[in-house]
Amino acid sequence: ISLLTARLGAVVARARLLNAIPDGSEKAQMKNDVPRLKTRARLLR
């Protein structure tokens, strides 16, 4: 459970980081990864 919780924390932190990227930024394409992170968070939960 500790291992799963740590992984879930990393996934949530990564999703928050990507969601903080402004839409007009050169890194905006990285936001396309958010659905995959949501799936991973669901699996870990």
All heavy atoms as atom14 arrays in JSON, in Angstrom:
{
  "sequence": "ISLLTARLGAVVARARLLNAIPDGSEKAQMKNDVPRLKTRARLLR",
  "atom14_mask": [
    [1, 1, 1, 1, 1, 1, 1, 1, 0, 0, 0, 0, 0, 0],
    [1, 1, 1, 1, 1, 1, 0, 0, 0, 0, 0, 0, 0, 0],
    [1, 1, 1, 1, 1, 1, 1, 1, 0, 0, 0, 0, 0, 0],
    [1, 1, 1, 1, 1, 1, 1, 1, 0, 0, 0, 0, 0, 0],
    [1, 1, 1, 1, 1, 1, 1, 0, 0, 0, 0, 0, 0, 0],
    [1, 1, 1, 1, 1, 0, 0, 0, 0, 0, 0, 0, 0, 0],
    [1, 1, 1, 1, 1, 1, 1, 1, 1, 1, 1, 0, 0, 0],
    [1, 1, 1, 1, 1, 1, 1, 1, 0, 0, 0, 0, 0, 0],
    [1, 1, 1, 1, 0, 0, 0, 0, 0, 0, 0, 0, 0, 0],
    [1, 1, 1, 1, 1, 0, 0, 0, 0, 0, 0, 0, 0, 0],
    [1, 1, 1, 1, 1, 1, 1, 0, 0, 0, 0, 0, 0, 0],
    [1, 1, 1, 1, 1, 1, 1, 0, 0, 0, 0, 0, 0, 0],
    [1, 1, 1, 1, 1, 0, 0, 0, 0, 0, 0, 0, 0, 0],
    [1, 1, 1, 1, 1, 1, 1, 1, 1, 1, 1, 0, 0, 0],
    [1, 1, 1, 1, 1, 0, 0, 0, 0, 0, 0, 0, 0, 0],
    [1, 1, 1, 1, 1, 1, 1, 1, 1, 1, 1, 0, 0, 0],
    [1, 1, 1, 1, 1, 1, 1, 1, 0, 0, 0, 0, 0, 0],
    [1, 1, 1, 1, 1, 1, 1, 1, 0, 0, 0, 0, 0, 0],
    [1, 1, 1, 1, 1, 1, 1, 1, 0, 0, 0, 0, 0, 0],
    [1, 1, 1, 1, 1, 0, 0, 0, 0, 0, 0, 0, 0, 0],
    [1, 1, 1, 1, 1, 1, 1, 1, 0, 0, 0, 0, 0, 0],
    [1, 1, 1, 1, 1, 1, 1, 0, 0, 0, 0, 0, 0, 0],
    [1, 1, 1, 1, 1, 1, 1, 1, 0, 0, 0, 0, 0, 0],
    [1, 1, 1, 1, 0, 0, 0, 0, 0, 0, 0, 0, 0, 0],
    [1, 1, 1, 1, 1, 1, 0, 0, 0, 0, 0, 0, 0, 0],
    [1, 1, 1, 1, 1, 1, 1, 1, 1, 0, 0, 0, 0, 0],
    [1, 1, 1, 1, 1, 1, 1, 1, 1, 0, 0, 0, 0, 0],
    [1, 1, 1, 1, 1, 0, 0, 0, 0, 0, 0, 0, 0, 0],
    [1, 1, 1, 1, 1, 1, 1, 1, 1, 0, 0, 0, 0, 0],
    [1, 1, 1, 1, 1, 1, 1, 1, 0, 0, 0, 0, 0, 0],
    [1, 1, 1, 1, 1, 1, 1, 1, 1, 0, 0, 0, 0, 0],
    [1, 1, 1, 1, 1, 1, 1, 1, 0, 0, 0, 0, 0, 0],
    [1, 1, 1, 1, 1, 1, 1, 1, 0, 0, 0, 0, 0, 0],
    [1, 1, 1, 1, 1, 1, 1, 0, 0, 0, 0, 0, 0, 0],
    [1, 1, 1, 1, 1, 1, 1, 0, 0, 0, 0, 0, 0, 0],
    [1, 1, 1, 1, 1, 1, 1, 1, 1, 1, 1, 0, 0, 0],
    [1, 1, 1, 1, 1, 1, 1, 1, 0, 0, 0, 0, 0, 0],
    [1, 1, 1, 1, 1, 1, 1, 1, 1, 0, 0, 0, 0, 0],
    [1, 1, 1, 1, 1, 1, 1, 0, 0, 0, 0, 0, 0, 0],
    [1, 1, 1, 1, 1, 1, 1, 1, 1, 1, 1, 0, 0, 0],
    [1, 1, 1, 1, 1, 0, 0, 0, 0, 0, 0, 0, 0, 0],
    [1, 1, 1, 1, 1, 1, 1, 1, 1, 1, 1, 0, 0, 0],
    [1, 1, 1, 1, 1, 1, 1, 1, 0, 0, 0, 0, 0, 0],
    [1, 1, 1, 1, 1, 1, 1, 1, 0, 0, 0, 0, 0, 0],
    [1, 1, 1, 1, 1, 1, 1, 1, 1, 1, 1, 0, 0, 0]
  ],
  "atom14_positions": [
    [[0.84, -1.2, 0.0], [0.0, 0.0, 0.0], [0.87, 1.25, 0.0], [0.57, 2.23, -0.69], [-0.98, -0.01, 1.2], [-2.04, -1.09, 0.99], [-1.64, 1.35, 1.38], [-2.92, -1.34, 2.21], [0.0, 0.0, 0.0], [0.0, 0.0, 0.0], [0.0, 0.0, 0.0], [0.0, 0.0, 0.0], [0.0, 0.0, 0.0], [0.0, 0.0, 0.0]],
    [[1.95, 1.22, 0.75], [2.88, 2.36, 0.78], [3.47, 2.61, -0.6], [3.58, 3.76, -1.05], [3.98, 2.09, 1.81], [4.92, 3.12, 1.81], [0.0, 0.0, 0.0], [0.0, 0.0, 0.0], [0.0, 0.0, 0.0], [0.0, 0.0, 0.0], [0.0, 0.0, 0.0], [0.0, 0.0, 0.0], [0.0, 0.0, 0.0], [0.0, 0.0, 0.0]],
    [[3.86, 1.54, -1.28], [4.41, 1.67, -2.63], [3.37, 2.26, -3.58], [3.67, 3.19, -4.35], [4.86, 0.29, -3.13], [5.23, 0.2, -4.61], [6.58, 0.87, -4.85], [5.24, -1.24, -5.06], [0.0, 0.0, 0.0], [0.0, 0.0, 0.0], [0.0, 0.0, 0.0], [0.0, 0.0, 0.0], [0.0, 0.0, 0.0], [0.0, 0.0, 0.0]],
    [[2.15, 1.74, -3.54], [1.1, 2.25, -4.42], [0.78, 3.71, -4.12], [0.56, 4.51, -5.05], [-0.17, 1.39, -4.28], [-0.08, -0.03, -4.79], [-1.36, -0.8, -4.45], [0.17, -0.07, -6.28], [0.0, 0.0, 0.0], [0.0, 0.0, 0.0], [0.0, 0.0, 0.0], [0.0, 0.0, 0.0], [0.0, 0.0, 0.0], [0.0, 0.0, 0.0]],
    [[0.76, 4.06, -2.86], [0.46, 5.45, -2.47], [1.55, 6.4, -2.97], [1.25, 7.5, -3.44], [0.3, 5.55, -0.95], [-0.72, 4.64, -0.53], [-0.07, 6.94, -0.51], [0.0, 0.0, 0.0], [0.0, 0.0, 0.0], [0.0, 0.0, 0.0], [0.0, 0.0, 0.0], [0.0, 0.0, 0.0], [0.0, 0.0, 0.0], [0.0, 0.0, 0.0]],
    [[2.8, 5.99, -2.87], [3.9, 6.83, -3.36], [3.8, 7.02, -4.87], [4.0, 8.13, -5.38], [5.24, 6.2, -3.0], [0.0, 0.0, 0.0], [0.0, 0.0, 0.0], [0.0, 0.0, 0.0], [0.0, 0.0, 0.0], [0.0, 0.0, 0.0], [0.0, 0.0, 0.0], [0.0, 0.0, 0.0], [0.0, 0.0, 0.0], [0.0, 0.0, 0.0]],
    [[3.47, 5.95, -5.6], [3.32, 6.07, -7.05], [2.14, 6.97, -7.4], [2.21, 7.78, -8.33], [3.15, 4.69, -7.68], [4.43, 3.88, -7.68], [4.25, 2.54, -8.33], [4.01, 2.61, -9.75], [4.96, 2.56, -10.69], [6.22, 2.46, -10.32], [4.65, 2.62, -11.96], [0.0, 0.0, 0.0], [0.0, 0.0, 0.0], [0.0, 0.0, 0.0]],
    [[1.04, 6.84, -6.65], [-0.12, 7.69, -6.9], [0.23, 9.15, -6.66], [-0.16, 10.03, -7.43], [-1.29, 7.26, -6.02], [-2.58, 8.07, -6.17], [-3.11, 8.0, -7.6], [-3.62, 7.59, -5.18], [0.0, 0.0, 0.0], [0.0, 0.0, 0.0], [0.0, 0.0, 0.0], [0.0, 0.0, 0.0], [0.0, 0.0, 0.0], [0.0, 0.0, 0.0]],
    [[1.0, 9.42, -5.62], [1.43, 10.8, -5.35], [2.26, 11.36, -6.48], [2.11, 12.54, -6.86], [0.0, 0.0, 0.0], [0.0, 0.0, 0.0], [0.0, 0.0, 0.0], [0.0, 0.0, 0.0], [0.0, 0.0, 0.0], [0.0, 0.0, 0.0], [0.0, 0.0, 0.0], [0.0, 0.0, 0.0], [0.0, 0.0, 0.0], [0.0, 0.0, 0.0]],
    [[3.14, 10.55, -7.05], [3.97, 11.01, -8.17], [3.11, 11.27, -9.41], [3.34, 12.25, -10.13], [5.04, 9.97, -8.49], [0.0, 0.0, 0.0], [0.0, 0.0, 0.0], [0.0, 0.0, 0.0], [0.0, 0.0, 0.0], [0.0, 0.0, 0.0], [0.0, 0.0, 0.0], [0.0, 0.0, 0.0], [0.0, 0.0, 0.0], [0.0, 0.0, 0.0]],
    [[2.12, 10.43, -9.65], [1.24, 10.62, -10.82], [0.42, 11.89, -10.65], [0.3, 12.69, -11.59], [0.31, 9.39, -11.0], [-0.8, 9.68, -11.99], [1.13, 8.18, -11.45], [0.0, 0.0, 0.0], [0.0, 0.0, 0.0], [0.0, 0.0, 0.0], [0.0, 0.0, 0.0], [0.0, 0.0, 0.0], [0.0, 0.0, 0.0], [0.0, 0.0, 0.0]],
    [[-0.11, 12.12, -9.46], [-0.9, 13.33, -9.22], [-0.03, 14.58, -9.34], [-0.44, 15.59, -9.93], [-1.59, 13.25, -7.83], [-2.19, 14.58, -7.43], [-2.65, 12.16, -7.85], [0.0, 0.0, 0.0], [0.0, 0.0, 0.0], [0.0, 0.0, 0.0], [0.0, 0.0, 0.0], [0.0, 0.0, 0.0], [0.0, 0.0, 0.0], [0.0, 0.0, 0.0]],
    [[1.18, 14.52, -8.82], [2.1, 15.66, -8.92], [2.42, 15.97, -10.38], [2.46, 17.14, -10.79], [3.37, 15.39, -8.14], [0.0, 0.0, 0.0], [0.0, 0.0, 0.0], [0.0, 0.0, 0.0], [0.0, 0.0, 0.0], [0.0, 0.0, 0.0], [0.0, 0.0, 0.0], [0.0, 0.0, 0.0], [0.0, 0.0, 0.0], [0.0, 0.0, 0.0]],
    [[2.64, 14.93, -11.18], [2.92, 15.1, -12.6], [1.72, 15.7, -13.32], [1.87, 16.6, -14.16], [3.31, 13.75, -13.21], [3.58, 13.8, -14.69], [4.93, 14.37, -14.96], [5.18, 14.33, -16.39], [6.14, 14.98, -16.98], [6.98, 15.71, -16.27], [6.31, 14.91, -18.27], [0.0, 0.0, 0.0], [0.0, 0.0, 0.0], [0.0, 0.0, 0.0]],
    [[0.52, 15.23, -13.0], [-0.69, 15.78, -13.64], [-0.88, 17.24, -13.27], [-1.23, 18.06, -14.14], [-1.91, 14.96, -13.23], [0.0, 0.0, 0.0], [0.0, 0.0, 0.0], [0.0, 0.0, 0.0], [0.0, 0.0, 0.0], [0.0, 0.0, 0.0], [0.0, 0.0, 0.0], [0.0, 0.0, 0.0], [0.0, 0.0, 0.0], [0.0, 0.0, 0.0]],
    [[-0.62, 17.59, -12.03], [-0.73, 19.0, -11.62], [0.3, 19.86, -12.34], [0.0, 20.99, -12.74], [-0.55, 19.12, -10.11], [-1.74, 18.63, -9.34], [-1.56, 18.81, -7.87], [-2.75, 18.33, -7.17], [-2.75, 17.91, -5.93], [-1.64, 17.92, -5.23], [-3.86, 17.49, -5.38], [0.0, 0.0, 0.0], [0.0, 0.0, 0.0], [0.0, 0.0, 0.0]],
    [[1.5, 19.34, -12.5], [2.55, 20.06, -13.22], [2.14, 20.32, -14.66], [2.3, 21.43, -15.19], [3.86, 19.27, -13.16], [5.07, 19.89, -13.87], [5.58, 21.08, -13.08], [6.15, 18.85, -14.03], [0.0, 0.0, 0.0], [0.0, 0.0, 0.0], [0.0, 0.0, 0.0], [0.0, 0.0, 0.0], [0.0, 0.0, 0.0], [0.0, 0.0, 0.0]],
    [[1.58, 19.29, -15.31], [1.16, 19.46, -16.7], [-0.03, 20.39, -16.83], [-0.12, 21.16, -17.79], [0.83, 18.09, -17.31], [2.0, 17.12, -17.48], [1.53, 15.82, -18.09], [3.11, 17.74, -18.32], [0.0, 0.0, 0.0], [0.0, 0.0, 0.0], [0.0, 0.0, 0.0], [0.0, 0.0, 0.0], [0.0, 0.0, 0.0], [0.0, 0.0, 0.0]],
    [[-0.95, 20.31, -15.89], [-2.12, 21.2, -15.95], [-1.74, 22.66, -15.71], [-2.48, 23.56, -16.11], [-3.17, 20.76, -14.93], [-3.97, 19.58, -15.44], [-4.25, 19.47, -16.63], [-4.35, 18.7, -14.53], [0.0, 0.0, 0.0], [0.0, 0.0, 0.0], [0.0, 0.0, 0.0], [0.0, 0.0, 0.0], [0.0, 0.0, 0.0], [0.0, 0.0, 0.0]],
    [[-0.61, 22.91, -15.08], [-0.17, 24.27, -14.81], [0.49, 24.92, -16.03], [0.74, 26.13, -16.03], [0.8, 24.28, -13.64], [0.0, 0.0, 0.0], [0.0, 0.0, 0.0], [0.0, 0.0, 0.0], [0.0, 0.0, 0.0], [0.0, 0.0, 0.0], [0.0, 0.0, 0.0], [0.0, 0.0, 0.0], [0.0, 0.0, 0.0], [0.0, 0.0, 0.0]],
    [[0.76, 24.16, -17.07], [1.39, 24.71, -18.27], [0.36, 25.57, -19.01], [-0.75, 25.11, -19.29], [1.9, 23.58, -19.2], [2.99, 22.77, -18.51], [2.41, 24.15, -20.53], [3.42, 21.54, -19.28], [0.0, 0.0, 0.0], [0.0, 0.0, 0.0], [0.0, 0.0, 0.0], [0.0, 0.0, 0.0], [0.0, 0.0, 0.0], [0.0, 0.0, 0.0]],
    [[0.71, 26.82, -19.32], [-0.22, 27.68, -20.06], [-0.52, 27.1, -21.46], [0.33, 26.45, -22.07], [0.51, 29.02, -20.17], [1.64, 28.95, -19.21], [1.95, 27.51, -18.98], [0.0, 0.0, 0.0], [0.0, 0.0, 0.0], [0.0, 0.0, 0.0], [0.0, 0.0, 0.0], [0.0, 0.0, 0.0], [0.0, 0.0, 0.0], [0.0, 0.0, 0.0]],
    [[-1.72, 27.35, -21.95], [-2.14, 26.78, -23.24], [-1.3, 27.28, -24.4], [-1.06, 26.55, -25.35], [-3.61, 27.1, -23.5], [-4.53, 26.25, -22.64], [-4.12, 25.13, -22.27], [-5.65, 26.7, -22.33], [0.0, 0.0, 0.0], [0.0, 0.0, 0.0], [0.0, 0.0, 0.0], [0.0, 0.0, 0.0], [0.0, 0.0, 0.0], [0.0, 0.0, 0.0]],
    [[-0.83, 28.49, -24.37], [-0.05, 29.04, -25.48], [1.43, 28.7, -25.41], [2.2, 29.1, -26.3], [0.0, 0.0, 0.0], [0.0, 0.0, 0.0], [0.0, 0.0, 0.0], [0.0, 0.0, 0.0], [0.0, 0.0, 0.0], [0.0, 0.0, 0.0], [0.0, 0.0, 0.0], [0.0, 0.0, 0.0], [0.0, 0.0, 0.0], [0.0, 0.0, 0.0]],
    [[1.85, 27.97, -24.42], [3.26, 27.67, -24.21], [3.76, 26.68, -25.26], [3.01, 25.92, -25.86], [3.46, 27.1, -22.81], [4.76, 26.62, -22.65], [0.0, 0.0, 0.0], [0.0, 0.0, 0.0], [0.0, 0.0, 0.0], [0.0, 0.0, 0.0], [0.0, 0.0, 0.0], [0.0, 0.0, 0.0], [0.0, 0.0, 0.0], [0.0, 0.0, 0.0]],
    [[5.09, 26.67, -25.44], [5.7, 25.71, -26.36], [5.61, 24.28, -25.82], [5.75, 23.32, -26.57], [7.16, 26.07, -26.62], [8.0, 26.07, -25.34], [9.36, 26.7, -25.53], [9.47, 27.67, -26.3], [10.3, 26.22, -24.87], [0.0, 0.0, 0.0], [0.0, 0.0, 0.0], [0.0, 0.0, 0.0], [0.0, 0.0, 0.0], [0.0, 0.0, 0.0]],
    [[5.36, 24.13, -24.52], [5.21, 22.8, -23.92], [3.74, 22.38, -23.78], [3.44, 21.38, -23.13], [5.86, 22.78, -22.54], [7.36, 22.96, -22.57], [7.92, 22.85, -21.17], [9.43, 22.99, -21.19], [10.01, 22.84, -19.86], [0.0, 0.0, 0.0], [0.0, 0.0, 0.0], [0.0, 0.0, 0.0], [0.0, 0.0, 0.0], [0.0, 0.0, 0.0]],
    [[2.84, 23.11, -24.4], [1.41, 22.83, -24.26], [1.04, 21.43, -24.76], [0.08, 20.83, -24.28], [0.59, 23.88, -24.99], [0.0, 0.0, 0.0], [0.0, 0.0, 0.0], [0.0, 0.0, 0.0], [0.0, 0.0, 0.0], [0.0, 0.0, 0.0], [0.0, 0.0, 0.0], [0.0, 0.0, 0.0], [0.0, 0.0, 0.0], [0.0, 0.0, 0.0]],
    [[1.81, 20.89, -25.72], [1.5, 19.55, -26.23], [1.68, 18.48, -25.15], [1.13, 17.4, -25.26], [2.36, 19.21, -27.46], [3.76, 18.71, -27.17], [4.78, 19.8, -26.86], [4.45, 20.98, -26.85], [6.02, 19.41, -26.62], [0.0, 0.0, 0.0], [0.0, 0.0, 0.0], [0.0, 0.0, 0.0], [0.0, 0.0, 0.0], [0.0, 0.0, 0.0]],
    [[2.43, 18.81, -24.11], [2.63, 17.86, -23.01], [1.33, 17.6, -22.25], [1.19, 16.57, -21.6], [3.72, 18.35, -22.06], [5.09, 18.35, -22.69], [6.35, 19.06, -21.62], [6.36, 17.91, -20.28], [0.0, 0.0, 0.0], [0.0, 0.0, 0.0], [0.0, 0.0, 0.0], [0.0, 0.0, 0.0], [0.0, 0.0, 0.0], [0.0, 0.0, 0.0]],
    [[0.36, 18.51, -22.36], [-0.92, 18.33, -21.69], [-1.7, 17.15, -22.26], [-2.64, 16.66, -21.64], [-1.77, 19.6, -21.81], [-1.33, 20.7, -20.91], [-2.3, 21.85, -21.0], [-2.13, 22.78, -19.84], [-3.17, 23.8, -19.8], [0.0, 0.0, 0.0], [0.0, 0.0, 0.0], [0.0, 0.0, 0.0], [0.0, 0.0, 0.0], [0.0, 0.0, 0.0]],
    [[-1.3, 16.69, -23.45], [-1.96, 15.53, -24.04], [-1.75, 14.27, -23.21], [-2.43, 13.26, -23.41], [-1.45, 15.29, -25.47], [-1.82, 16.41, -26.4], [-2.8, 17.11, -26.18], [-1.03, 16.6, -27.43], [0.0, 0.0, 0.0], [0.0, 0.0, 0.0], [0.0, 0.0, 0.0], [0.0, 0.0, 0.0], [0.0, 0.0, 0.0], [0.0, 0.0, 0.0]],
    [[-0.81, 14.32, -22.28], [-0.49, 13.17, -21.44], [-1.41, 13.06, -20.22], [-1.39, 12.05, -19.52], [0.97, 13.24, -21.01], [1.51, 11.92, -20.53], [1.09, 10.88, -21.06], [2.35, 11.92, -19.61], [0.0, 0.0, 0.0], [0.0, 0.0, 0.0], [0.0, 0.0, 0.0], [0.0, 0.0, 0.0], [0.0, 0.0, 0.0], [0.0, 0.0, 0.0]],
    [[-2.21, 14.08, -19.95], [-3.06, 14.09, -18.76], [-4.06, 12.92, -18.74], [-4.24, 12.29, -17.69], [-3.75, 15.46, -18.6], [-4.78, 15.44, -17.49], [-2.71, 16.55, -18.32], [0.0, 0.0, 0.0], [0.0, 0.0, 0.0], [0.0, 0.0, 0.0], [0.0, 0.0, 0.0], [0.0, 0.0, 0.0], [0.0, 0.0, 0.0], [0.0, 0.0, 0.0]],
    [[-4.72, 12.57, -19.85], [-5.64, 11.42, -19.79], [-4.94, 10.11, -19.39], [-5.51, 9.3, -18.65], [-6.2, 11.32, -21.21], [-6.08, 12.7, -21.75], [-4.84, 13.27, -21.13], [0.0, 0.0, 0.0], [0.0, 0.0, 0.0], [0.0, 0.0, 0.0], [0.0, 0.0, 0.0], [0.0, 0.0, 0.0], [0.0, 0.0, 0.0], [0.0, 0.0, 0.0]],
    [[-3.71, 9.91, -19.87], [-2.96, 8.72, -19.47], [-2.67, 8.75, -17.99], [-2.78, 7.73, -17.29], [-1.64, 8.63, -20.26], [-0.8, 7.41, -19.89], [0.52, 7.4, -20.66], [1.42, 8.45, -20.21], [2.36, 8.28, -19.28], [2.52, 7.11, -18.71], [3.14, 9.27, -18.94], [0.0, 0.0, 0.0], [0.0, 0.0, 0.0], [0.0, 0.0, 0.0]],
    [[-2.33, 9.91, -17.46], [-2.07, 10.03, -16.03], [-3.35, 9.79, -15.21], [-3.29, 9.19, -14.14], [-1.47, 11.4, -15.72], [-0.07, 11.64, -16.29], [0.35, 13.09, -16.07], [0.93, 10.69, -15.67], [0.0, 0.0, 0.0], [0.0, 0.0, 0.0], [0.0, 0.0, 0.0], [0.0, 0.0, 0.0], [0.0, 0.0, 0.0], [0.0, 0.0, 0.0]],
    [[-4.48, 10.24, -15.72], [-5.75, 9.97, -15.04], [-6.04, 8.48, -14.99], [-6.51, 7.95, -13.98], [-6.9, 10.71, -15.72], [-6.93, 12.18, -15.45], [-8.13, 12.83, -16.1], [-8.17, 14.31, -15.83], [-9.33, 14.97, -16.46], [0.0, 0.0, 0.0], [0.0, 0.0, 0.0], [0.0, 0.0, 0.0], [0.0, 0.0, 0.0], [0.0, 0.0, 0.0]],
    [[-5.74, 7.78, -16.08], [-5.94, 6.33, -16.12], [-5.02, 5.66, -15.12], [-5.44, 4.75, -14.39], [-5.7, 5.79, -17.53], [-6.59, 6.43, -18.44], [-5.9, 4.29, -17.59], [0.0, 0.0, 0.0], [0.0, 0.0, 0.0], [0.0, 0.0, 0.0], [0.0, 0.0, 0.0], [0.0, 0.0, 0.0], [0.0, 0.0, 0.0], [0.0, 0.0, 0.0]],
    [[-3.78, 6.09, -15.07], [-2.84, 5.52, -14.11], [-3.3, 5.78, -12.68], [-3.22, 4.89, -11.82], [-1.44, 6.11, -14.31], [-0.72, 5.59, -15.53], [0.71, 6.08, -15.59], [1.42, 5.63, -14.4], [2.5, 6.23, -13.92], [3.0, 7.29, -14.5], [3.1, 5.75, -12.84], [0.0, 0.0, 0.0], [0.0, 0.0, 0.0], [0.0, 0.0, 0.0]],
    [[-3.79, 6.98, -12.41], [-4.28, 7.3, -11.06], [-5.46, 6.4, -10.69], [-5.56, 5.92, -9.56], [-4.67, 8.77, -10.97], [0.0, 0.0, 0.0], [0.0, 0.0, 0.0], [0.0, 0.0, 0.0], [0.0, 0.0, 0.0], [0.0, 0.0, 0.0], [0.0, 0.0, 0.0], [0.0, 0.0, 0.0], [0.0, 0.0, 0.0], [0.0, 0.0, 0.0]],
    [[-6.34, 6.14, -11.65], [-7.49, 5.26, -11.4], [-7.02, 3.84, -11.1], [-7.5, 3.2, -10.16], [-8.43, 5.27, -12.6], [-9.68, 4.42, -12.41], [-10.56, 4.42, -13.65], [-9.86, 4.11, -14.88], [-9.51, 2.89, -15.29], [-9.79, 1.85, -14.55], [-8.89, 2.72, -16.44], [0.0, 0.0, 0.0], [0.0, 0.0, 0.0], [0.0, 0.0, 0.0]],
    [[-6.05, 3.35, -11.88], [-5.51, 2.01, -11.64], [-4.87, 1.91, -10.26], [-5.08, 0.93, -9.53], [-4.48, 1.65, -12.71], [-5.0, 1.4, -14.12], [-3.84, 1.29, -15.1], [-5.87, 0.16, -14.15], [0.0, 0.0, 0.0], [0.0, 0.0, 0.0], [0.0, 0.0, 0.0], [0.0, 0.0, 0.0], [0.0, 0.0, 0.0], [0.0, 0.0, 0.0]],
    [[-4.09, 2.91, -9.89], [-3.43, 2.9, -8.59], [-4.45, 3.01, -7.45], [-4.31, 2.33, -6.42], [-2.4, 4.02, -8.51], [-1.17, 3.81, -9.39], [-0.35, 5.08, -9.5], [-0.32, 2.66, -8.85], [0.0, 0.0, 0.0], [0.0, 0.0, 0.0], [0.0, 0.0, 0.0], [0.0, 0.0, 0.0], [0.0, 0.0, 0.0], [0.0, 0.0, 0.0]],
    [[-5.46, 3.84, -7.63], [-6.52, 3.94, -6.61], [-7.21, 2.59, -6.42], [-7.43, 2.15, -5.3], [-7.53, 5.0, -7.01], [-8.6, 5.21, -5.93], [-9.83, 5.93, -6.43], [-10.48, 5.07, -7.39], [-11.12, 5.49, -8.47], [-11.17, 6.77, -8.75], [-11.71, 4.65, -9.29], [0.0, 0.0, 0.0], [0.0, 0.0, 0.0], [0.0, 0.0, 0.0]]
  ]
}
